[in-house]
């Protein structure tokens, strides 16, 4: 596994939509009950009950997306004591949930700091060039379409599940797929964990191609999700959707600059 840190592919214009998406995800994370103060998203029982109630309202649920089977009882966010000890109180939902709209809200929610920062890193590195090529409005629509495609593809494969699906990973996977189609030869600086983190400059087709292969392998082993697992199938679907949408744009895309003498975006001084 490699960790991308920078691409040698300057954009021509300011990626305002990418910045807005980054900010929206961070704000949504800070407003999610119990998340901002925890590295993993774990906390007290009261925090977990509030989080569960929040996710039941705003996260995407496969059973709701495919069958429109809305639960009769949901966590209220309160803690109660039952025969088996303390637990989350359930009751009739005090809200009217739209499954289709929940896909949109779920795209901005994350399950912990690591989940958030990993997604934001990939969006920060690769989103600006895709937005630059598509334009602001088209890029926003593209991002949302990839997110919806990823969520519904995952839901179709696990239509009876009542577990919440959250995260921008499906939409960002679409961005990665588009980047691979548009800028396969762009150089990407990555850190490779091998005793220490080794910095390497690799073509985008290697970095993103390896990422996609790993997601496909993991999804073949069971694309499930809950607290501690990942919706790999959604990543695969989002990536393929991004590739298909970006494919017509590849012919008119200017090639990335040659990275001779460039180190992390700065001109390196000769050593002679």
C-alpha atoms as a PDB file:
ATOM      1  CA  UNK A   1       0.000   0.000   0.000  1.00  0.00           C
ATOM      2  CA  UNK A   2       1.321   3.457  -0.918  1.00  0.00           C
ATOM      3  CA  UNK A   3       0.308   6.805   0.551  1.00  0.00           C
ATOM      4  CA  UNK A   4       0.046   9.665  -1.988  1.00  0.00           C
ATOM      5  CA  UNK A   5       1.209  13.048  -0.742  1.00  0.00           C
ATOM      6  CA  UNK A   6       1.477  15.277  -3.827  1.00  0.00           C
ATOM      7  CA  UNK A   7       1.057  15.185  -7.603  1.00  0.00           C
ATOM      8  CA  UNK A   8       3.197  17.032 -10.140  1.00  0.00           C
ATOM      9  CA  UNK A   9       0.256  18.380 -12.115  1.00  0.00           C
ATOM     10  CA  UNK A  10      -0.563  22.062 -11.505  1.00  0.00           C
ATOM     11  CA  UNK A  11      -4.132  23.243 -12.110  1.00  0.00           C
ATOM     12  CA  UNK A  12      -4.928  26.293 -14.235  1.00  0.00           C
ATOM     13  CA  UNK A  13      -7.655  27.674 -11.981  1.00  0.00           C
ATOM     14  CA  UNK A  14      -8.628  27.633  -8.324  1.00  0.00           C
ATOM     15  CA  UNK A  15     -10.579  24.452  -7.443  1.00  0.00           C
ATOM     16  CA  UNK A  16     -13.320  26.171  -5.471  1.00  0.00           C
ATOM     17  CA  UNK A  17     -15.669  23.175  -5.523  1.00  0.00           C
ATOM     18  CA  UNK A  18     -12.962  20.857  -4.194  1.00  0.00           C
ATOM     19  CA  UNK A  19     -12.256  23.319  -1.387  1.00  0.00           C
ATOM     20  CA  UNK A  20     -15.976  23.585  -0.615  1.00  0.00           C
ATOM     21  CA  UNK A  21     -16.363  19.789  -0.485  1.00  0.00           C
ATOM     22  CA  UNK A  22     -13.387  19.515   1.844  1.00  0.00           C
ATOM     23  CA  UNK A  23     -14.813  22.189   4.135  1.00  0.00           C
ATOM     24  CA  UNK A  24     -18.303  20.656   4.096  1.00  0.00           C
ATOM     25  CA  UNK A  25     -16.972  17.239   5.108  1.00  0.00           C
ATOM     26  CA  UNK A  26     -14.941  18.721   7.961  1.00  0.00           C
ATOM     27  CA  UNK A  27     -17.878  20.793   9.243  1.00  0.00           C
ATOM     28  CA  UNK A  28     -20.234  17.799   9.023  1.00  0.00           C
ATOM     29  CA  UNK A  29     -17.730  15.696  10.937  1.00  0.00           C
ATOM     30  CA  UNK A  30     -17.420  18.305  13.691  1.00  0.00           C
ATOM     31  CA  UNK A  31     -21.219  18.406  13.986  1.00  0.00           C
ATOM     32  CA  UNK A  32     -21.532  14.610  14.215  1.00  0.00           C
ATOM     33  CA  UNK A  33     -22.200  13.638  17.858  1.00  0.00           C
ATOM     34  CA  UNK A  34     -19.173  12.174  19.616  1.00  0.00           C
ATOM     35  CA  UNK A  35     -16.812  12.307  16.626  1.00  0.00           C
ATOM     36  CA  UNK A  36     -14.779  15.490  16.999  1.00  0.00           C
ATOM     37  CA  UNK A  37     -13.337  14.556  20.397  1.00  0.00           C
ATOM     38  CA  UNK A  38     -12.286  11.035  19.500  1.00  0.00           C
ATOM     39  CA  UNK A  39      -9.612   9.652  17.189  1.00  0.00           C
ATOM     40  CA  UNK A  40     -11.534   6.449  16.457  1.00  0.00           C
ATOM     41  CA  UNK A  41     -15.094   7.659  16.939  1.00  0.00           C
ATOM     42  CA  UNK A  42     -15.553   5.520  20.077  1.00  0.00           C
ATOM     43  CA  UNK A  43     -16.878   7.034  23.289  1.00  0.00           C
ATOM     44  CA  UNK A  44     -19.244   6.681  26.173  1.00  0.00           C
ATOM     45  CA  UNK A  45     -22.605   4.922  25.957  1.00  0.00           C
ATOM     46  CA  UNK A  46     -24.382   8.275  25.857  1.00  0.00           C
ATOM     47  CA  UNK A  47     -22.237   9.397  22.924  1.00  0.00           C
ATOM     48  CA  UNK A  48     -22.795   6.112  21.100  1.00  0.00           C
ATOM     49  CA  UNK A  49     -26.557   6.397  21.541  1.00  0.00           C
ATOM     50  CA  UNK A  50     -26.572   9.951  20.189  1.00  0.00           C
ATOM     51  CA  UNK A  51     -24.340   8.880  17.290  1.00  0.00           C
ATOM     52  CA  UNK A  52     -26.572   5.925  16.457  1.00  0.00           C
ATOM     53  CA  UNK A  53     -29.649   8.135  16.433  1.00  0.00           C
ATOM     54  CA  UNK A  54     -27.853  10.661  14.236  1.00  0.00           C
ATOM     55  CA  UNK A  55     -26.744   8.012  11.719  1.00  0.00           C
ATOM     56  CA  UNK A  56     -30.167   6.382  11.556  1.00  0.00           C
ATOM     57  CA  UNK A  57     -31.511   9.747  10.431  1.00  0.00           C
ATOM     58  CA  UNK A  58     -28.773  10.928   8.073  1.00  0.00           C
ATOM     59  CA  UNK A  59     -26.863   7.837   6.869  1.00  0.00           C
ATOM     60  CA  UNK A  60     -27.810   5.736   3.842  1.00  0.00           C
ATOM     61  CA  UNK A  61     -29.218   2.289   4.655  1.00  0.00           C
ATOM     62  CA  UNK A  62     -29.354  -0.388   1.895  1.00  0.00           C
ATOM     63  CA  UNK A  63     -32.718  -1.777   3.006  1.00  0.00           C
ATOM     64  CA  UNK A  64     -34.235   1.675   2.855  1.00  0.00           C
ATOM     65  CA  UNK A  65     -32.654   2.508  -0.517  1.00  0.00           C
ATOM     66  CA  UNK A  66     -33.745  -0.649  -2.292  1.00  0.00           C
ATOM     67  CA  UNK A  67     -36.971  -1.695  -0.567  1.00  0.00           C
ATOM     68  CA  UNK A  68     -38.055   1.576   1.098  1.00  0.00           C
ATOM     69  CA  UNK A  69     -38.468  -0.410   4.322  1.00  0.00           C
ATOM     70  CA  UNK A  70     -38.355   2.294   6.964  1.00  0.00           C
ATOM     71  CA  UNK A  71     -37.852   1.130  10.577  1.00  0.00           C
ATOM     72  CA  UNK A  72     -40.741   1.461  13.008  1.00  0.00           C
ATOM     73  CA  UNK A  73     -38.409   1.936  15.961  1.00  0.00           C
ATOM     74  CA  UNK A  74     -35.132   3.860  15.964  1.00  0.00           C
ATOM     75  CA  UNK A  75     -32.706   4.998  18.680  1.00  0.00           C
ATOM     76  CA  UNK A  76     -33.853   8.239  20.287  1.00  0.00           C
ATOM     77  CA  UNK A  77     -30.368   9.239  21.422  1.00  0.00           C
ATOM     78  CA  UNK A  78     -31.194   8.655  25.097  1.00  0.00           C
ATOM     79  CA  UNK A  79     -29.777   6.060  27.473  1.00  0.00           C
ATOM     80  CA  UNK A  80     -32.093   3.764  29.409  1.00  0.00           C
ATOM     81  CA  UNK A  81     -31.787   0.790  31.743  1.00  0.00           C
ATOM     82  CA  UNK A  82     -33.454  -2.477  30.753  1.00  0.00           C
ATOM     83  CA  UNK A  83     -33.404  -6.075  31.949  1.00  0.00           C
ATOM     84  CA  UNK A  84     -29.960  -6.592  30.420  1.00  0.00           C
ATOM     85  CA  UNK A  85     -28.508  -3.333  31.731  1.00  0.00           C
ATOM     86  CA  UNK A  86     -27.954   0.143  30.268  1.00  0.00           C
ATOM     87  CA  UNK A  87     -28.657   0.620  26.576  1.00  0.00           C
ATOM     88  CA  UNK A  88     -29.966   2.981  23.941  1.00  0.00           C
ATOM     89  CA  UNK A  89     -33.668   3.839  24.121  1.00  0.00           C
ATOM     90  CA  UNK A  90     -35.694   3.204  20.954  1.00  0.00           C
ATOM     91  CA  UNK A  91     -38.971   4.727  19.830  1.00  0.00           C
ATOM     92  CA  UNK A  92     -40.926   5.777  16.733  1.00  0.00           C
ATOM     93  CA  UNK A  93     -38.820   8.000  14.435  1.00  0.00           C
ATOM     94  CA  UNK A  94     -39.563  11.696  15.072  1.00  0.00           C
ATOM     95  CA  UNK A  95     -38.585  12.567  11.488  1.00  0.00           C
ATOM     96  CA  UNK A  96     -39.629  11.726   7.938  1.00  0.00           C
ATOM     97  CA  UNK A  97     -36.580  10.305   6.177  1.00  0.00           C
ATOM     98  CA  UNK A  98     -36.071  10.312   2.422  1.00  0.00           C
ATOM     99  CA  UNK A  99     -33.820   7.359   1.465  1.00  0.00           C
ATOM    100  CA  UNK A 100     -32.757   9.104  -1.747  1.00  0.00           C
ATOM    101  CA  UNK A 101     -31.739  12.253   0.120  1.00  0.00           C
ATOM    102  CA  UNK A 102     -29.906  10.189   2.743  1.00  0.00           C
ATOM    103  CA  UNK A 103     -27.361   9.193   0.085  1.00  0.00           C
ATOM    104  CA  UNK A 104     -26.446  12.863  -0.257  1.00  0.00           C
ATOM    105  CA  UNK A 105     -26.152  13.532   3.477  1.00  0.00           C
ATOM    106  CA  UNK A 106     -24.202  10.289   4.001  1.00  0.00           C
ATOM    107  CA  UNK A 107     -21.536  11.496   1.550  1.00  0.00           C
ATOM    108  CA  UNK A 108     -20.464  14.153   4.034  1.00  0.00           C
ATOM    109  CA  UNK A 109     -20.362  11.948   7.152  1.00  0.00           C
ATOM    110  CA  UNK A 110     -17.367   9.954   8.392  1.00  0.00           C
ATOM    111  CA  UNK A 111     -16.793   7.338  11.056  1.00  0.00           C
ATOM    112  CA  UNK A 112     -13.683   8.800  12.683  1.00  0.00           C
ATOM    113  CA  UNK A 113     -10.702  11.096  12.208  1.00  0.00           C
ATOM    114  CA  UNK A 114      -8.724   8.503  10.218  1.00  0.00           C
ATOM    115  CA  UNK A 115     -11.692   7.919   7.907  1.00  0.00           C
ATOM    116  CA  UNK A 116     -12.077  11.664   7.356  1.00  0.00           C
ATOM    117  CA  UNK A 117      -8.392  12.513   6.897  1.00  0.00           C
ATOM    118  CA  UNK A 118      -7.779   9.621   4.497  1.00  0.00           C
ATOM    119  CA  UNK A 119     -10.646  10.673   2.249  1.00  0.00           C
ATOM    120  CA  UNK A 120      -9.727  14.345   2.389  1.00  0.00           C
ATOM    121  CA  UNK A 121      -6.112  13.583   1.470  1.00  0.00           C
ATOM    122  CA  UNK A 122      -7.145  11.841  -1.755  1.00  0.00           C
ATOM    123  CA  UNK A 123      -9.671  14.560  -2.613  1.00  0.00           C
ATOM    124  CA  UNK A 124      -7.081  17.283  -1.962  1.00  0.00           C
ATOM    125  CA  UNK A 125      -4.434  15.687  -4.196  1.00  0.00           C
ATOM    126  CA  UNK A 126      -6.560  14.552  -7.140  1.00  0.00           C
ATOM    127  CA  UNK A 127      -9.716  16.675  -7.040  1.00  0.00           C
ATOM    128  CA  UNK A 128      -8.207  19.941  -8.255  1.00  0.00           C
ATOM    129  CA  UNK A 129      -7.091  18.624 -11.643  1.00  0.00           C
ATOM    130  CA  UNK A 130     -10.352  16.807 -12.355  1.00  0.00           C
ATOM    131  CA  UNK A 131     -12.287  19.961 -11.444  1.00  0.00           C
ATOM    132  CA  UNK A 132      -9.926  22.004 -13.608  1.00  0.00           C
ATOM    133  CA  UNK A 133     -10.668  19.777 -16.593  1.00  0.00           C
ATOM    134  CA  UNK A 134     -14.444  19.525 -16.081  1.00  0.00           C
ATOM    135  CA  UNK A 135     -15.246  22.997 -14.763  1.00  0.00           C
ATOM    136  CA  UNK A 136     -16.781  23.825 -11.409  1.00  0.00           C
ATOM    137  CA  UNK A 137     -20.436  22.983 -12.013  1.00  0.00           C
ATOM    138  CA  UNK A 138     -19.819  19.830 -14.018  1.00  0.00           C
ATOM    139  CA  UNK A 139     -17.317  18.609 -11.443  1.00  0.00           C
ATOM    140  CA  UNK A 140     -19.846  19.031  -8.629  1.00  0.00           C
ATOM    141  CA  UNK A 141     -22.464  17.089 -10.582  1.00  0.00           C
ATOM    142  CA  UNK A 142     -19.867  14.457 -11.445  1.00  0.00           C
ATOM    143  CA  UNK A 143     -18.889  14.078  -7.785  1.00  0.00           C
ATOM    144  CA  UNK A 144     -22.499  13.611  -6.678  1.00  0.00           C
ATOM    145  CA  UNK A 145     -23.306  11.157  -9.483  1.00  0.00           C
ATOM    146  CA  UNK A 146     -20.305   9.005  -8.540  1.00  0.00           C
ATOM    147  CA  UNK A 147     -21.367   9.074  -4.895  1.00  0.00           C
ATOM    148  CA  UNK A 148     -24.892   7.978  -5.754  1.00  0.00           C
ATOM    149  CA  UNK A 149     -23.639   5.272  -8.122  1.00  0.00           C
ATOM    150  CA  UNK A 150     -21.331   3.895  -5.426  1.00  0.00           C
ATOM    151  CA  UNK A 151     -24.016   3.872  -2.718  1.00  0.00           C
ATOM    152  CA  UNK A 152     -26.699   2.235  -4.832  1.00  0.00           C
ATOM    153  CA  UNK A 153     -24.289  -0.342  -6.249  1.00  0.00           C
ATOM    154  CA  UNK A 154     -23.340  -1.368  -2.739  1.00  0.00           C
ATOM    155  CA  UNK A 155     -26.967  -1.389  -1.590  1.00  0.00           C
ATOM    156  CA  UNK A 156     -27.989  -3.660  -4.472  1.00  0.00           C
ATOM    157  CA  UNK A 157     -25.457  -6.263  -3.330  1.00  0.00           C
ATOM    158  CA  UNK A 158     -26.658  -6.163   0.279  1.00  0.00           C
ATOM    159  CA  UNK A 159     -30.263  -5.068  -0.115  1.00  0.00           C
ATOM    160  CA  UNK A 160     -31.445  -6.543   3.185  1.00  0.00           C
ATOM    161  CA  UNK A 161     -28.895  -4.802   5.376  1.00  0.00           C
ATOM    162  CA  UNK A 162     -29.997  -2.271   7.959  1.00  0.00           C
ATOM    163  CA  UNK A 163     -26.468  -1.062   8.760  1.00  0.00           C
ATOM    164  CA  UNK A 164     -25.687   2.600   7.965  1.00  0.00           C
ATOM    165  CA  UNK A 165     -23.384   3.481   5.071  1.00  0.00           C
ATOM    166  CA  UNK A 166     -21.441   6.726   5.417  1.00  0.00           C
ATOM    167  CA  UNK A 167     -18.434   8.443   3.892  1.00  0.00           C
ATOM    168  CA  UNK A 168     -17.271  10.306   0.804  1.00  0.00           C
ATOM    169  CA  UNK A 169     -15.190   7.326  -0.346  1.00  0.00           C
ATOM    170  CA  UNK A 170     -17.485   6.352  -3.234  1.00  0.00           C
ATOM    171  CA  UNK A 171     -17.559   9.867  -4.675  1.00  0.00           C
ATOM    172  CA  UNK A 172     -13.806  10.318  -4.182  1.00  0.00           C
ATOM    173  CA  UNK A 173     -13.202   6.944  -5.834  1.00  0.00           C
ATOM    174  CA  UNK A 174     -14.978   8.446  -8.852  1.00  0.00           C
ATOM    175  CA  UNK A 175     -12.493  11.327  -8.772  1.00  0.00           C
ATOM    176  CA  UNK A 176      -9.620   8.832  -8.747  1.00  0.00           C
ATOM    177  CA  UNK A 177     -11.111   6.957 -11.697  1.00  0.00           C
ATOM    178  CA  UNK A 178     -11.452  10.189 -13.658  1.00  0.00           C
ATOM    179  CA  UNK A 179      -7.889  11.209 -12.815  1.00  0.00           C
ATOM    180  CA  UNK A 180      -6.595   7.860 -14.069  1.00  0.00           C
ATOM    181  CA  UNK A 181      -8.382   8.367 -17.397  1.00  0.00           C
ATOM    182  CA  UNK A 182      -7.392  12.022 -17.812  1.00  0.00           C
ATOM    183  CA  UNK A 183      -3.846  12.062 -16.397  1.00  0.00           C
ATOM    184  CA  UNK A 184      -2.437   8.509 -16.410  1.00  0.00           C
ATOM    185  CA  UNK A 185       1.147   9.745 -16.919  1.00  0.00           C
ATOM    186  CA  UNK A 186       1.083  12.459 -14.244  1.00  0.00           C
ATOM    187  CA  UNK A 187       3.723  11.860 -11.584  1.00  0.00           C
ATOM    188  CA  UNK A 188       2.566  11.348  -7.993  1.00  0.00           C
ATOM    189  CA  UNK A 189       4.809  11.506  -4.958  1.00  0.00           C
ATOM    190  CA  UNK A 190       4.007   8.652  -2.591  1.00  0.00           C
ATOM    191  CA  UNK A 191       5.321   7.246   0.666  1.00  0.00           C
ATOM    192  CA  UNK A 192       5.990   3.510   0.600  1.00  0.00           C
ATOM    193  CA  UNK A 193       6.153   1.825   4.021  1.00  0.00           C
ATOM    194  CA  UNK A 194       9.262  -0.382   3.932  1.00  0.00           C
ATOM    195  CA  UNK A 195      10.929  -0.328   7.349  1.00  0.00           C
ATOM    196  CA  UNK A 196      10.704   3.444   6.945  1.00  0.00           C
ATOM    197  CA  UNK A 197       8.513   5.557   4.664  1.00  0.00           C
ATOM    198  CA  UNK A 198      10.346   5.762   1.343  1.00  0.00           C
ATOM    199  CA  UNK A 199       9.393   8.704  -0.923  1.00  0.00           C
ATOM    200  CA  UNK A 200       8.931   7.697  -4.568  1.00  0.00           C
ATOM    201  CA  UNK A 201       7.632   9.496  -7.643  1.00  0.00           C
ATOM    202  CA  UNK A 202       5.400   7.142  -9.622  1.00  0.00           C
ATOM    203  CA  UNK A 203       3.050   7.539 -12.595  1.00  0.00           C
ATOM    204  CA  UNK A 204      -0.593   7.991 -11.663  1.00  0.00           C
ATOM    205  CA  UNK A 205      -1.588   4.833 -13.532  1.00  0.00           C
ATOM    206  CA  UNK A 206       0.542   2.779 -11.138  1.00  0.00           C
ATOM    207  CA  UNK A 207      -0.630   4.543  -7.968  1.00  0.00           C
ATOM    208  CA  UNK A 208      -4.329   4.605  -8.828  1.00  0.00           C
ATOM    209  CA  UNK A 209      -4.276   1.285 -10.649  1.00  0.00           C
ATOM    210  CA  UNK A 210      -2.804  -0.394  -7.576  1.00  0.00           C
ATOM    211  CA  UNK A 211      -5.407   1.301  -5.387  1.00  0.00           C
ATOM    212  CA  UNK A 212      -8.220   0.005  -7.586  1.00  0.00           C
ATOM    213  CA  UNK A 213      -6.834  -3.534  -7.693  1.00  0.00           C
ATOM    214  CA  UNK A 214      -6.649  -3.620  -3.896  1.00  0.00           C
ATOM    215  CA  UNK A 215     -10.234  -2.395  -3.584  1.00  0.00           C
ATOM    216  CA  UNK A 216     -11.405  -5.025  -6.091  1.00  0.00           C
ATOM    217  CA  UNK A 217      -9.570  -7.804  -4.246  1.00  0.00           C
ATOM    218  CA  UNK A 218     -10.988  -6.730  -0.900  1.00  0.00           C
ATOM    219  CA  UNK A 219     -14.509  -6.443  -2.296  1.00  0.00           C
ATOM    220  CA  UNK A 220     -14.278  -9.934  -3.775  1.00  0.00           C
ATOM    221  CA  UNK A 221     -13.610 -11.188  -0.269  1.00  0.00           C
ATOM    222  CA  UNK A 222     -16.852  -9.624   0.999  1.00  0.00           C
ATOM    223  CA  UNK A 223     -17.756  -5.930   0.613  1.00  0.00           C
ATOM    224  CA  UNK A 224     -19.359  -5.532   4.017  1.00  0.00           C
ATOM    225  CA  UNK A 225     -19.367  -2.621   6.389  1.00  0.00           C
ATOM    226  CA  UNK A 226     -19.902  -1.791  10.014  1.00  0.00           C
ATOM    227  CA  UNK A 227     -17.771  -0.279  12.762  1.00  0.00           C
ATOM    228  CA  UNK A 228     -14.333  -1.388  11.634  1.00  0.00           C
ATOM    229  CA  UNK A 229     -14.887  -2.552   8.058  1.00  0.00           C
ATOM    230  CA  UNK A 230     -15.041  -0.767   4.729  1.00  0.00           C
ATOM    231  CA  UNK A 231     -17.500  -0.704   1.817  1.00  0.00           C
ATOM    232  CA  UNK A 232     -14.964  -1.763  -0.799  1.00  0.00           C
ATOM    233  CA  UNK A 233     -17.668  -2.553  -3.334  1.00  0.00           C
ATOM    234  CA  UNK A 234     -18.760   1.091  -3.208  1.00  0.00           C
ATOM    235  CA  UNK A 235     -15.166   2.141  -3.942  1.00  0.00           C
ATOM    236  CA  UNK A 236     -15.023  -0.127  -6.997  1.00  0.00           C
ATOM    237  CA  UNK A 237     -18.379   1.118  -8.293  1.00  0.00           C
ATOM    238  CA  UNK A 238     -17.483   4.773  -7.762  1.00  0.00           C
ATOM    239  CA  UNK A 239     -14.114   4.335  -9.480  1.00  0.00           C
ATOM    240  CA  UNK A 240     -15.658   2.678 -12.541  1.00  0.00           C
ATOM    241  CA  UNK A 241     -18.363   5.352 -12.728  1.00  0.00           C
ATOM    242  CA  UNK A 242     -15.696   8.060 -12.660  1.00  0.00           C
ATOM    243  CA  UNK A 243     -13.741   6.380 -15.450  1.00  0.00           C
ATOM    244  CA  UNK A 244     -16.803   6.033 -17.672  1.00  0.00           C
ATOM    245  CA  UNK A 245     -17.938   9.631 -17.190  1.00  0.00           C
ATOM    246  CA  UNK A 246     -14.454  11.068 -17.783  1.00  0.00           C
ATOM    247  CA  UNK A 247     -13.645   8.884 -20.792  1.00  0.00           C
ATOM    248  CA  UNK A 248     -15.078  11.291 -23.436  1.00  0.00           C
ATOM    249  CA  UNK A 249     -12.867  14.096 -22.034  1.00  0.00           C
ATOM    250  CA  UNK A 250      -9.549  12.302 -22.365  1.00  0.00           C
ATOM    251  CA  UNK A 251      -8.818  13.334 -25.983  1.00  0.00           C
ATOM    252  CA  UNK A 252      -8.949  17.060 -25.284  1.00  0.00           C
ATOM    253  CA  UNK A 253      -7.043  16.898 -21.997  1.00  0.00           C
ATOM    254  CA  UNK A 254      -3.604  18.560 -22.112  1.00  0.00           C
ATOM    255  CA  UNK A 255      -0.814  16.270 -20.871  1.00  0.00           C
ATOM    256  CA  UNK A 256       0.726  16.956 -17.449  1.00  0.00           C
ATOM    257  CA  UNK A 257       4.104  18.729 -17.369  1.00  0.00           C
ATOM    258  CA  UNK A 258       7.284  16.694 -17.442  1.00  0.00           C
ATOM    259  CA  UNK A 259       8.582  16.408 -13.867  1.00  0.00           C
ATOM    260  CA  UNK A 260      12.270  16.919 -14.679  1.00  0.00           C
ATOM    261  CA  UNK A 261      14.074  18.633 -11.818  1.00  0.00           C
ATOM    262  CA  UNK A 262      10.885  19.050  -9.793  1.00  0.00           C
ATOM    263  CA  UNK A 263      10.712  18.008  -6.163  1.00  0.00           C
ATOM    264  CA  UNK A 264       7.323  18.334  -4.447  1.00  0.00           C
ATOM    265  CA  UNK A 265       6.279  21.126  -6.797  1.00  0.00           C
ATOM    266  CA  UNK A 266       9.466  23.179  -6.392  1.00  0.00           C
ATOM    267  CA  UNK A 267      12.345  23.539  -8.784  1.00  0.00           C
ATOM    268  CA  UNK A 268      15.240  21.493  -7.436  1.00  0.00           C
ATOM    269  CA  UNK A 269      18.716  23.045  -7.457  1.00  0.00           C
ATOM    270  CA  UNK A 270      21.417  21.237  -9.446  1.00  0.00           C
ATOM    271  CA  UNK A 271      23.946  19.362  -7.333  1.00  0.00           C
ATOM    272  CA  UNK A 272      26.950  20.086  -9.578  1.00  0.00           C
END
